PDB file of N, CA and C in Angstrom:
ATOM      1  N   MET A   1      -4.587   2.441 -32.127  1.00  0.00           N
ATOM      2  CA  MET A   1      -5.092   1.093 -31.720  1.00  0.00           C
ATOM      3  C   MET A   1      -6.147   0.654 -32.743  1.00  0.00           C
ATOM      4  N   ALA A   2      -5.969  -0.594 -33.206  1.00  0.00           N
ATOM      5  CA  ALA A   2      -6.906  -1.106 -34.145  1.00  0.00           C
ATOM      6  C   ALA A   2      -8.311  -1.367 -33.454  1.00  0.00           C
ATOM      7  N   GLN A   3      -9.346  -1.287 -34.287  1.00  0.00           N
ATOM      8  CA  GLN A   3     -10.677  -1.453 -33.727  1.00  0.00           C
ATOM      9  C   GLN A   3     -10.879  -2.770 -33.090  1.00  0.00           C
ATOM     10  N   ASP A   4     -10.242  -3.762 -33.498  1.00  0.00           N
ATOM     11  CA  ASP A   4     -10.453  -5.130 -32.914  1.00  0.00           C
ATOM     12  C   ASP A   4      -9.761  -5.283 -31.543  1.00  0.00           C
ATOM     13  N   GLN A   5      -8.890  -4.381 -31.117  1.00  0.00           N
ATOM     14  CA  GLN A   5      -8.193  -4.397 -29.822  1.00  0.00           C
ATOM     15  C   GLN A   5      -9.121  -3.717 -28.797  1.00  0.00           C
ATOM     16  N   GLN A   6      -9.051  -4.269 -27.608  1.00  0.00           N
ATOM     17  CA  GLN A   6      -9.805  -3.792 -26.485  1.00  0.00           C
ATOM     18  C   GLN A   6      -8.844  -3.074 -25.511  1.00  0.00           C
ATOM     19  N   PHE A   7      -9.333  -1.982 -24.940  1.00  0.00           N
ATOM     20  CA  PHE A   7      -8.486  -1.216 -23.911  1.00  0.00           C
ATOM     21  C   PHE A   7      -8.839  -1.890 -22.561  1.00  0.00           C
ATOM     22  N   SER A   8      -7.863  -2.158 -21.774  1.00  0.00           N
ATOM     23  CA  SER A   8      -8.070  -2.900 -20.512  1.00  0.00           C
ATOM     24  C   SER A   8      -8.251  -2.033 -19.292  1.00  0.00           C
ATOM     25  N   HIS A   9      -8.356  -0.711 -19.404  1.00  0.00           N
ATOM     26  CA  HIS A   9      -8.466   0.183 -18.252  1.00  0.00           C
ATOM     27  C   HIS A   9      -9.733   0.940 -18.322  1.00  0.00           C
ATOM     28  N   ASP A  10     -10.287   1.257 -17.128  1.00  0.00           N
ATOM     29  CA  ASP A  10     -11.507   2.016 -17.107  1.00  0.00           C
ATOM     30  C   ASP A  10     -11.155   3.541 -17.276  1.00  0.00           C
ATOM     31  N   VAL A  11     -10.004   4.016 -16.649  1.00  0.00           N
ATOM     32  CA  VAL A  11      -9.636   5.396 -16.568  1.00  0.00           C
ATOM     33  C   VAL A  11      -8.212   5.529 -16.934  1.00  0.00           C
ATOM     34  N   VAL A  12      -7.793   6.600 -17.628  1.00  0.00           N
ATOM     35  CA  VAL A  12      -6.415   6.952 -17.866  1.00  0.00           C
ATOM     36  C   VAL A  12      -6.292   8.406 -17.330  1.00  0.00           C
ATOM     37  N   VAL A  13      -5.289   8.571 -16.481  1.00  0.00           N
ATOM     38  CA  VAL A  13      -5.019   9.929 -15.891  1.00  0.00           C
ATOM     39  C   VAL A  13      -3.734  10.365 -16.488  1.00  0.00           C
ATOM     40  N   ILE A  14      -3.827  11.453 -17.307  1.00  0.00           N
ATOM     41  CA  ILE A  14      -2.629  11.975 -17.921  1.00  0.00           C
ATOM     42  C   ILE A  14      -2.040  13.062 -17.023  1.00  0.00           C
ATOM     43  N   GLY A  15      -0.693  13.020 -16.873  1.00  0.00           N
ATOM     44  CA  GLY A  15      -0.070  13.934 -15.918  1.00  0.00           C
ATOM     45  C   GLY A  15      -0.313  13.418 -14.506  1.00  0.00           C
ATOM     46  N   GLY A  16      -0.496  12.035 -14.442  1.00  0.00           N
ATOM     47  CA  GLY A  16      -0.952  11.413 -13.325  1.00  0.00           C
ATOM     48  C   GLY A  16      -0.023  11.387 -12.002  1.00  0.00           C
ATOM     49  N   GLY A  17       1.204  11.898 -12.150  1.00  0.00           N
ATOM     50  CA  GLY A  17       2.052  11.815 -10.955  1.00  0.00           C
ATOM     51  C   GLY A  17       2.065  13.103 -10.173  1.00  0.00           C
ATOM     52  N   GLY A  18       1.174  14.118 -10.520  1.00  0.00           N
ATOM     53  CA  GLY A  18       1.199  15.326  -9.893  1.00  0.00           C
ATOM     54  C   GLY A  18       0.151  15.414  -8.757  1.00  0.00           C
ATOM     55  N   HIS A  19       0.073  16.593  -8.183  1.00  0.00           N
ATOM     56  CA  HIS A  19      -0.725  16.927  -7.004  1.00  0.00           C
ATOM     57  C   HIS A  19      -2.247  16.706  -7.244  1.00  0.00           C
ATOM     58  N   VAL A  20      -2.682  16.742  -8.484  1.00  0.00           N
ATOM     59  CA  VAL A  20      -4.084  16.585  -8.777  1.00  0.00           C
ATOM     60  C   VAL A  20      -4.317  15.152  -9.343  1.00  0.00           C
ATOM     61  N   GLY A  21      -3.496  14.803 -10.335  1.00  0.00           N
ATOM     62  CA  GLY A  21      -3.657  13.488 -10.967  1.00  0.00           C
ATOM     63  C   GLY A  21      -3.549  12.302 -10.135  1.00  0.00           C
ATOM     64  N   LEU A  22      -2.477  12.242  -9.330  1.00  0.00           N
ATOM     65  CA  LEU A  22      -2.174  11.092  -8.607  1.00  0.00           C
ATOM     66  C   LEU A  22      -3.309  10.813  -7.485  1.00  0.00           C
ATOM     67  N   PRO A  23      -3.735  11.787  -6.717  1.00  0.00           N
ATOM     68  CA  PRO A  23      -4.891  11.493  -5.761  1.00  0.00           C
ATOM     69  C   PRO A  23      -6.148  11.122  -6.535  1.00  0.00           C
ATOM     70  N   LEU A  24      -6.345  11.696  -7.673  1.00  0.00           N
ATOM     71  CA  LEU A  24      -7.562  11.350  -8.459  1.00  0.00           C
ATOM     72  C   LEU A  24      -7.412   9.885  -8.900  1.00  0.00           C
ATOM     73  N   ALA A  25      -6.251   9.516  -9.438  1.00  0.00           N
ATOM     74  CA  ALA A  25      -6.090   8.088  -9.800  1.00  0.00           C
ATOM     75  C   ALA A  25      -6.252   7.126  -8.701  1.00  0.00           C
ATOM     76  N   ILE A  26      -5.725   7.517  -7.512  1.00  0.00           N
ATOM     77  CA  ILE A  26      -5.795   6.638  -6.367  1.00  0.00           C
ATOM     78  C   ILE A  26      -7.314   6.534  -5.912  1.00  0.00           C
ATOM     79  N   ALA A  27      -8.015   7.603  -5.969  1.00  0.00           N
ATOM     80  CA  ALA A  27      -9.407   7.548  -5.641  1.00  0.00           C
ATOM     81  C   ALA A  27     -10.191   6.691  -6.578  1.00  0.00           C
ATOM     82  N   PHE A  28      -9.902   6.760  -7.869  1.00  0.00           N
ATOM     83  CA  PHE A  28     -10.588   5.829  -8.818  1.00  0.00           C
ATOM     84  C   PHE A  28     -10.306   4.371  -8.525  1.00  0.00           C
ATOM     85  N   ALA A  29      -8.967   4.108  -8.373  1.00  0.00           N
ATOM     86  CA  ALA A  29      -8.583   2.716  -8.107  1.00  0.00           C
ATOM     87  C   ALA A  29      -9.124   2.243  -6.793  1.00  0.00           C
ATOM     88  N   ASP A  30      -9.231   3.044  -5.783  1.00  0.00           N
ATOM     89  CA  ASP A  30      -9.846   2.664  -4.537  1.00  0.00           C
ATOM     90  C   ASP A  30     -11.313   2.280  -4.604  1.00  0.00           C
ATOM     91  N   ARG A  31     -11.896   2.773  -5.666  1.00  0.00           N
ATOM     92  CA  ARG A  31     -13.297   2.430  -5.927  1.00  0.00           C
ATOM     93  C   ARG A  31     -13.505   1.310  -6.895  1.00  0.00           C
ATOM     94  N   GLY A  32     -12.372   0.614  -7.133  1.00  0.00           N
ATOM     95  CA  GLY A  32     -12.444  -0.580  -7.966  1.00  0.00           C
ATOM     96  C   GLY A  32     -12.238  -0.485  -9.446  1.00  0.00           C
ATOM     97  N   LEU A  33     -11.869   0.716  -9.904  1.00  0.00           N
ATOM     98  CA  LEU A  33     -11.672   0.891 -11.385  1.00  0.00           C
ATOM     99  C   LEU A  33     -10.224   0.513 -11.663  1.00  0.00           C
ATOM    100  N   SER A  34     -10.002   0.053 -12.874  1.00  0.00           N
ATOM    101  CA  SER A  34      -8.677  -0.225 -13.449  1.00  0.00           C
ATOM    102  C   SER A  34      -8.124   1.168 -13.901  1.00  0.00           C
ATOM    103  N   VAL A  35      -6.999   1.611 -13.424  1.00  0.00           N
ATOM    104  CA  VAL A  35      -6.526   2.994 -13.707  1.00  0.00           C
ATOM    105  C   VAL A  35      -5.096   2.886 -14.297  1.00  0.00           C
ATOM    106  N   LEU A  36      -4.890   3.544 -15.367  1.00  0.00           N
ATOM    107  CA  LEU A  36      -3.556   3.768 -15.973  1.00  0.00           C
ATOM    108  C   LEU A  36      -3.150   5.214 -15.774  1.00  0.00           C
ATOM    109  N   ILE A  37      -1.915   5.387 -15.205  1.00  0.00           N
ATOM    110  CA  ILE A  37      -1.495   6.752 -14.980  1.00  0.00           C
ATOM    111  C   ILE A  37      -0.317   6.948 -15.994  1.00  0.00           C
ATOM    112  N   TYR A  38      -0.422   8.098 -16.658  1.00  0.00           N
ATOM    113  CA  TYR A  38       0.638   8.554 -17.705  1.00  0.00           C
ATOM    114  C   TYR A  38       1.285   9.797 -17.213  1.00  0.00           C
ATOM    115  N   ASP A  39       2.566   9.828 -17.180  1.00  0.00           N
ATOM    116  CA  ASP A  39       3.260  10.987 -16.763  1.00  0.00           C
ATOM    117  C   ASP A  39       4.572  11.034 -17.560  1.00  0.00           C
ATOM    118  N   VAL A  40       5.026  12.198 -18.004  1.00  0.00           N
ATOM    119  CA  VAL A  40       6.257  12.314 -18.755  1.00  0.00           C
ATOM    120  C   VAL A  40       7.499  12.446 -17.748  1.00  0.00           C
ATOM    121  N   SER A  41       7.274  12.634 -16.518  1.00  0.00           N
ATOM    122  CA  SER A  41       8.354  12.681 -15.548  1.00  0.00           C
ATOM    123  C   SER A  41       8.768  11.286 -15.137  1.00  0.00           C
ATOM    124  N   LYS A  42       9.933  10.855 -15.505  1.00  0.00           N
ATOM    125  CA  LYS A  42      10.449   9.569 -15.141  1.00  0.00           C
ATOM    126  C   LYS A  42      10.579   9.497 -13.597  1.00  0.00           C
ATOM    127  N   ALA A  43      11.018  10.600 -12.964  1.00  0.00           N
ATOM    128  CA  ALA A  43      11.200  10.572 -11.520  1.00  0.00           C
ATOM    129  C   ALA A  43       9.907  10.310 -10.831  1.00  0.00           C
ATOM    130  N   ALA A  44       8.835  10.980 -11.265  1.00  0.00           N
ATOM    131  CA  ALA A  44       7.487  10.747 -10.672  1.00  0.00           C
ATOM    132  C   ALA A  44       6.991   9.307 -10.940  1.00  0.00           C
ATOM    133  N   VAL A  45       7.183   8.841 -12.154  1.00  0.00           N
ATOM    134  CA  VAL A  45       6.765   7.395 -12.473  1.00  0.00           C
ATOM    135  C   VAL A  45       7.561   6.469 -11.637  1.00  0.00           C
ATOM    136  N   ASP A  46       8.768   6.620 -11.443  1.00  0.00           N
ATOM    137  CA  ASP A  46       9.672   5.732 -10.665  1.00  0.00           C
ATOM    138  C   ASP A  46       9.187   5.722  -9.167  1.00  0.00           C
ATOM    139  N   LEU A  47       8.848   6.920  -8.622  1.00  0.00           N
ATOM    140  CA  LEU A  47       8.346   6.950  -7.237  1.00  0.00           C
ATOM    141  C   LEU A  47       7.017   6.250  -7.067  1.00  0.00           C
ATOM    142  N   VAL A  48       6.097   6.491  -7.961  1.00  0.00           N
ATOM    143  CA  VAL A  48       4.829   5.803  -7.888  1.00  0.00           C
ATOM    144  C   VAL A  48       4.883   4.259  -8.075  1.00  0.00           C
ATOM    145  N   ASN A  49       5.793   3.864  -8.996  1.00  0.00           N
ATOM    146  CA  ASN A  49       6.013   2.485  -9.268  1.00  0.00           C
ATOM    147  C   ASN A  49       6.554   1.770  -7.935  1.00  0.00           C
ATOM    148  N   ASP A  50       7.374   2.540  -7.250  1.00  0.00           N
ATOM    149  CA  ASP A  50       7.972   2.029  -5.989  1.00  0.00           C
ATOM    150  C   ASP A  50       7.031   2.293  -4.746  1.00  0.00           C
ATOM    151  N   ALA A  51       5.785   2.666  -5.057  1.00  0.00           N
ATOM    152  CA  ALA A  51       4.806   2.942  -4.003  1.00  0.00           C
ATOM    153  C   ALA A  51       5.217   3.975  -3.053  1.00  0.00           C
ATOM    154  N   VAL A  52       5.865   5.054  -3.546  1.00  0.00           N
ATOM    155  CA  VAL A  52       6.259   6.187  -2.827  1.00  0.00           C
ATOM    156  C   VAL A  52       5.503   7.397  -3.294  1.00  0.00           C
ATOM    157  N   LEU A  53       4.887   8.128  -2.378  1.00  0.00           N
ATOM    158  CA  LEU A  53       4.246   9.379  -2.809  1.00  0.00           C
ATOM    159  C   LEU A  53       5.236  10.429  -2.978  1.00  0.00           C
ATOM    160  N   PRO A  54       5.226  11.194  -4.060  1.00  0.00           N
ATOM    161  CA  PRO A  54       6.192  12.288  -4.269  1.00  0.00           C
ATOM    162  C   PRO A  54       5.801  13.602  -3.560  1.00  0.00           C
ATOM    163  N   PHE A  55       4.761  13.541  -2.795  1.00  0.00           N
ATOM    164  CA  PHE A  55       4.364  14.695  -1.921  1.00  0.00           C
ATOM    165  C   PHE A  55       3.385  14.129  -0.876  1.00  0.00           C
ATOM    166  N   ASP A  56       3.122  15.011   0.143  1.00  0.00           N
ATOM    167  CA  ASP A  56       2.226  14.525   1.254  1.00  0.00           C
ATOM    168  C   ASP A  56       0.770  14.673   0.861  1.00  0.00           C
ATOM    169  N   GLU A  57       0.081  13.508   0.885  1.00  0.00           N
ATOM    170  CA  GLU A  57      -1.367  13.466   0.596  1.00  0.00           C
ATOM    171  C   GLU A  57      -1.947  12.491   1.684  1.00  0.00           C
ATOM    172  N   PRO A  58      -2.627  13.151   2.654  1.00  0.00           N
ATOM    173  CA  PRO A  58      -3.173  12.373   3.783  1.00  0.00           C
ATOM    174  C   PRO A  58      -4.024  11.138   3.294  1.00  0.00           C
ATOM    175  N   GLY A  59      -3.656   9.990   3.817  1.00  0.00           N
ATOM    176  CA  GLY A  59      -4.394   8.727   3.483  1.00  0.00           C
ATOM    177  C   GLY A  59      -4.031   8.073   2.187  1.00  0.00           C
ATOM    178  N   ALA A  60      -3.268   8.708   1.361  1.00  0.00           N
ATOM    179  CA  ALA A  60      -2.958   8.155  -0.024  1.00  0.00           C
ATOM    180  C   ALA A  60      -1.919   7.077   0.042  1.00  0.00           C
ATOM    181  N   ALA A  61      -0.947   7.183   0.954  1.00  0.00           N
ATOM    182  CA  ALA A  61       0.130   6.257   1.008  1.00  0.00           C
ATOM    183  C   ALA A  61      -0.303   4.749   1.140  1.00  0.00           C
ATOM    184  N   VAL A  62      -1.263   4.596   2.021  1.00  0.00           N
ATOM    185  CA  VAL A  62      -1.840   3.241   2.266  1.00  0.00           C
ATOM    186  C   VAL A  62      -2.456   2.673   1.045  1.00  0.00           C
ATOM    187  N   LYS A  63      -3.176   3.521   0.322  1.00  0.00           N
ATOM    188  CA  LYS A  63      -3.946   3.072  -0.884  1.00  0.00           C
ATOM    189  C   LYS A  63      -2.990   2.895  -2.056  1.00  0.00           C
ATOM    190  N   LEU A  64      -1.921   3.676  -2.091  1.00  0.00           N
ATOM    191  CA  LEU A  64      -0.953   3.513  -3.223  1.00  0.00           C
ATOM    192  C   LEU A  64      -0.262   2.191  -3.119  1.00  0.00           C
TER     193      LEU A  64
END
């Protein structure tokens, strides 16, 4: 990224579709931060993009 470009997110969660990263990303976003989730798993990314949790996390589905 060139120095004159600005990054538009407050937080980037790498491996963000997993059991730790996704709830963390949701918690940051729930507090008003702009969050980018990066994950190499296309299946996990597709689920999150469709607002589907890939696992059971109490309270997260509503916020996702």
